[in-house]
N, C-alpha and C. Protein backbone atom coordinates (compact mmCIF):
# COMPACT_ATOMS: atom_id res chain seq x y z
N UNK A 1 124.67 87.78 109.95
CA UNK A 1 124.58 86.69 111.22
C UNK A 1 124.22 87.77 112.42
N UNK A 2 123.59 87.38 113.30
CA UNK A 2 123.12 87.85 114.41
C UNK A 2 123.87 87.50 115.43
N UNK A 3 124.60 88.82 116.22
CA UNK A 3 125.26 88.51 117.33
C UNK A 3 124.67 89.07 118.46
N UNK A 4 124.70 88.42 119.65
CA UNK A 4 124.01 89.00 120.87
C UNK A 4 124.96 89.00 122.04
N UNK A 5 125.24 90.09 122.47
CA UNK A 5 126.26 90.14 123.39
C UNK A 5 125.60 89.86 124.75
N UNK A 6 126.18 89.02 125.57
CA UNK A 6 125.62 88.42 126.81
C UNK A 6 126.60 88.88 127.97
N UNK A 7 126.24 89.38 128.97
CA UNK A 7 126.95 89.69 130.21
C UNK A 7 127.01 88.66 130.99
N UNK A 8 128.06 88.78 131.90
CA UNK A 8 128.20 87.82 132.94
C UNK A 8 127.02 87.73 133.95
N UNK A 9 126.32 86.61 134.11
CA UNK A 9 125.21 86.66 135.11
C UNK A 9 124.06 86.91 134.39
N UNK A 10 124.00 87.14 133.06
CA UNK A 10 122.68 87.24 132.42
C UNK A 10 121.95 85.78 132.01
N UNK A 11 120.73 85.65 132.39
CA UNK A 11 120.00 84.39 132.37
C UNK A 11 119.73 84.42 130.79
N UNK A 12 119.41 83.09 130.55
CA UNK A 12 119.24 82.58 128.95
C UNK A 12 118.04 83.36 128.55
N UNK A 13 116.84 83.74 129.38
CA UNK A 13 115.85 84.01 128.84
C UNK A 13 115.98 85.50 128.38
N UNK A 14 116.72 86.67 128.98
CA UNK A 14 117.17 87.74 128.55
C UNK A 14 117.97 87.65 127.26
N UNK A 15 118.90 86.86 127.18
CA UNK A 15 119.62 86.63 125.97
C UNK A 15 118.74 86.44 124.78
N UNK A 16 117.63 85.30 124.93
CA UNK A 16 116.81 84.98 123.90
C UNK A 16 116.04 86.15 123.54
N UNK A 17 115.57 86.91 124.31
CA UNK A 17 114.67 88.13 124.30
C UNK A 17 115.43 89.07 123.20
N UNK A 18 116.58 89.56 123.71
CA UNK A 18 117.66 90.28 122.84
C UNK A 18 117.88 89.71 121.40
N UNK A 19 117.72 88.39 121.34
CA UNK A 19 118.02 87.77 119.89
C UNK A 19 116.65 87.91 119.10
N UNK A 20 115.79 87.57 119.79
CA UNK A 20 114.25 87.86 119.01
C UNK A 20 114.09 89.26 118.61
N UNK A 21 114.44 90.20 119.58
CA UNK A 21 114.15 91.61 119.27
C UNK A 21 115.15 92.08 117.97
N UNK A 22 116.59 91.72 117.87
CA UNK A 22 117.09 91.76 116.85
C UNK A 22 116.83 91.08 115.53
N UNK A 23 116.34 89.94 115.81
CA UNK A 23 115.97 89.30 114.60
C UNK A 23 114.60 89.88 113.99
N UNK A 24 113.81 90.37 114.89
CA UNK A 24 112.41 91.06 114.22
C UNK A 24 112.98 92.12 113.62
N UNK A 25 113.93 92.97 113.93
CA UNK A 25 114.26 94.20 113.43
C UNK A 25 115.01 93.98 111.99
N UNK A 26 115.73 92.80 111.84
CA UNK A 26 116.05 92.56 110.60
C UNK A 26 115.07 92.52 109.23
N UNK A 27 113.87 91.96 109.76
CA UNK A 27 112.70 92.10 108.80
C UNK A 27 112.87 90.61 107.85
N UNK A 28 113.50 89.75 108.29
CA UNK A 28 113.78 88.50 107.65
C UNK A 28 112.27 87.89 107.31
N UNK A 29 111.67 87.65 108.58
CA UNK A 29 110.38 86.91 108.43
C UNK A 29 109.40 87.80 107.43
N UNK A 30 109.28 89.10 107.57
CA UNK A 30 108.45 89.83 106.74
C UNK A 30 109.03 89.78 105.20
N UNK A 31 110.10 89.71 105.02
CA UNK A 31 110.48 89.45 103.54
C UNK A 31 110.29 88.03 103.07
N UNK A 32 110.50 87.05 103.83
CA UNK A 32 109.99 85.54 103.53
C UNK A 32 108.70 85.49 103.07
N UNK A 33 107.80 86.17 103.87
CA UNK A 33 106.36 86.08 103.52
C UNK A 33 106.01 86.64 102.44
N UNK A 34 106.54 87.92 101.97
CA UNK A 34 106.37 88.46 101.02
C UNK A 34 106.89 87.82 99.59
N UNK A 35 107.89 86.95 99.89
CA UNK A 35 108.41 86.25 98.67
C UNK A 35 107.71 85.02 98.35
N UNK A 36 106.79 84.64 99.44
CA UNK A 36 105.95 83.31 99.31
C UNK A 36 105.29 83.26 97.95
N UNK A 37 104.61 84.52 97.79
CA UNK A 37 103.72 84.62 96.63
C UNK A 37 104.00 86.11 95.90
N UNK A 38 103.84 85.95 94.60
CA UNK A 38 104.27 87.06 93.88
C UNK A 38 102.99 88.07 93.63
N UNK A 39 103.52 89.38 93.84
CA UNK A 39 102.48 90.33 93.73
C UNK A 39 102.67 91.33 92.62
N UNK A 40 101.85 91.68 91.72
CA UNK A 40 102.12 92.49 90.74
C UNK A 40 102.29 93.72 91.26
N UNK A 41 103.44 94.74 90.58
CA UNK A 41 103.59 95.82 91.04
C UNK A 41 102.43 96.79 91.10
N UNK A 42 101.49 96.73 90.47
CA UNK A 42 100.35 97.78 90.71
C UNK A 42 99.55 97.28 91.89
N UNK A 43 99.53 96.18 92.30
CA UNK A 43 98.86 95.65 93.78
C UNK A 43 99.93 96.36 94.61
N UNK A 44 101.10 96.10 94.54
CA UNK A 44 102.00 96.68 95.64
C UNK A 44 101.71 98.44 95.73
N UNK A 45 101.64 98.85 94.65
CA UNK A 45 101.59 100.44 94.58
C UNK A 45 100.20 100.72 95.29
N UNK A 46 99.15 99.95 94.82
CA UNK A 46 97.78 100.30 95.48
C UNK A 46 97.78 100.25 96.98
N UNK A 47 98.43 99.02 97.39
CA UNK A 47 98.47 98.76 98.94
C UNK A 47 99.22 99.81 99.71
N UNK A 48 100.40 100.32 99.00
CA UNK A 48 101.00 101.42 99.75
C UNK A 48 100.15 102.83 99.73
N UNK A 49 99.51 103.03 98.74
CA UNK A 49 98.78 104.23 98.65
C UNK A 49 97.74 104.08 99.60
N UNK A 50 97.01 103.01 99.88
CA UNK A 50 95.96 102.82 100.83
C UNK A 50 96.31 102.84 102.21
N UNK A 51 97.52 102.52 102.46
CA UNK A 51 98.19 102.54 103.53
C UNK A 51 98.49 103.91 104.14
N UNK A 52 99.23 104.71 102.87
CA UNK A 52 99.35 106.27 103.25
C UNK A 52 98.17 106.80 103.44
N UNK A 53 97.02 106.72 102.78
CA UNK A 53 95.87 107.39 103.14
C UNK A 53 95.26 107.07 104.56
N UNK A 54 95.36 105.75 104.85
CA UNK A 54 94.87 105.50 106.16
C UNK A 54 95.76 106.10 107.33
N UNK A 55 96.88 106.22 107.12
CA UNK A 55 97.74 106.90 108.13
C UNK A 55 97.74 108.38 108.29
N UNK A 56 97.38 109.00 106.97
CA UNK A 56 97.08 110.42 106.89
C UNK A 56 95.81 110.73 107.83
N UNK A 57 94.39 109.80 107.61
CA UNK A 57 93.37 110.03 108.20
C UNK A 57 93.65 109.93 109.93
N UNK A 58 94.48 108.79 110.05
CA UNK A 58 94.57 108.78 111.58
C UNK A 58 95.47 109.99 112.20
N UNK A 59 96.36 110.61 111.59
CA UNK A 59 97.04 111.86 112.07
C UNK A 59 96.03 112.76 111.96
N UNK A 60 95.16 113.00 111.19
CA UNK A 60 94.10 114.10 111.09
C UNK A 60 93.12 113.97 112.18
N UNK A 61 92.93 112.82 112.60
CA UNK A 61 91.93 112.58 113.76
C UNK A 61 92.90 112.75 115.12
N UNK A 62 94.14 112.51 115.10
CA UNK A 62 94.92 112.67 116.09
C UNK A 62 95.00 114.15 116.56
N UNK A 63 95.08 115.07 115.59
CA UNK A 63 95.16 116.34 115.75
C UNK A 63 93.92 117.03 116.30
């Protein structure tokens, strides 16, 4: 359960923004989308490798 501490005098928009940020960090939405359709482990591994290569290329260009 996500608990958001709200100080005296804070408006509802600020509290809602804190809640959304905490909710996003938990990764619930990402997990739900991943569970909607089954992916073979080989496809998952291939995507991980492609992402790693992409990030590595970005870091090389950045340096």
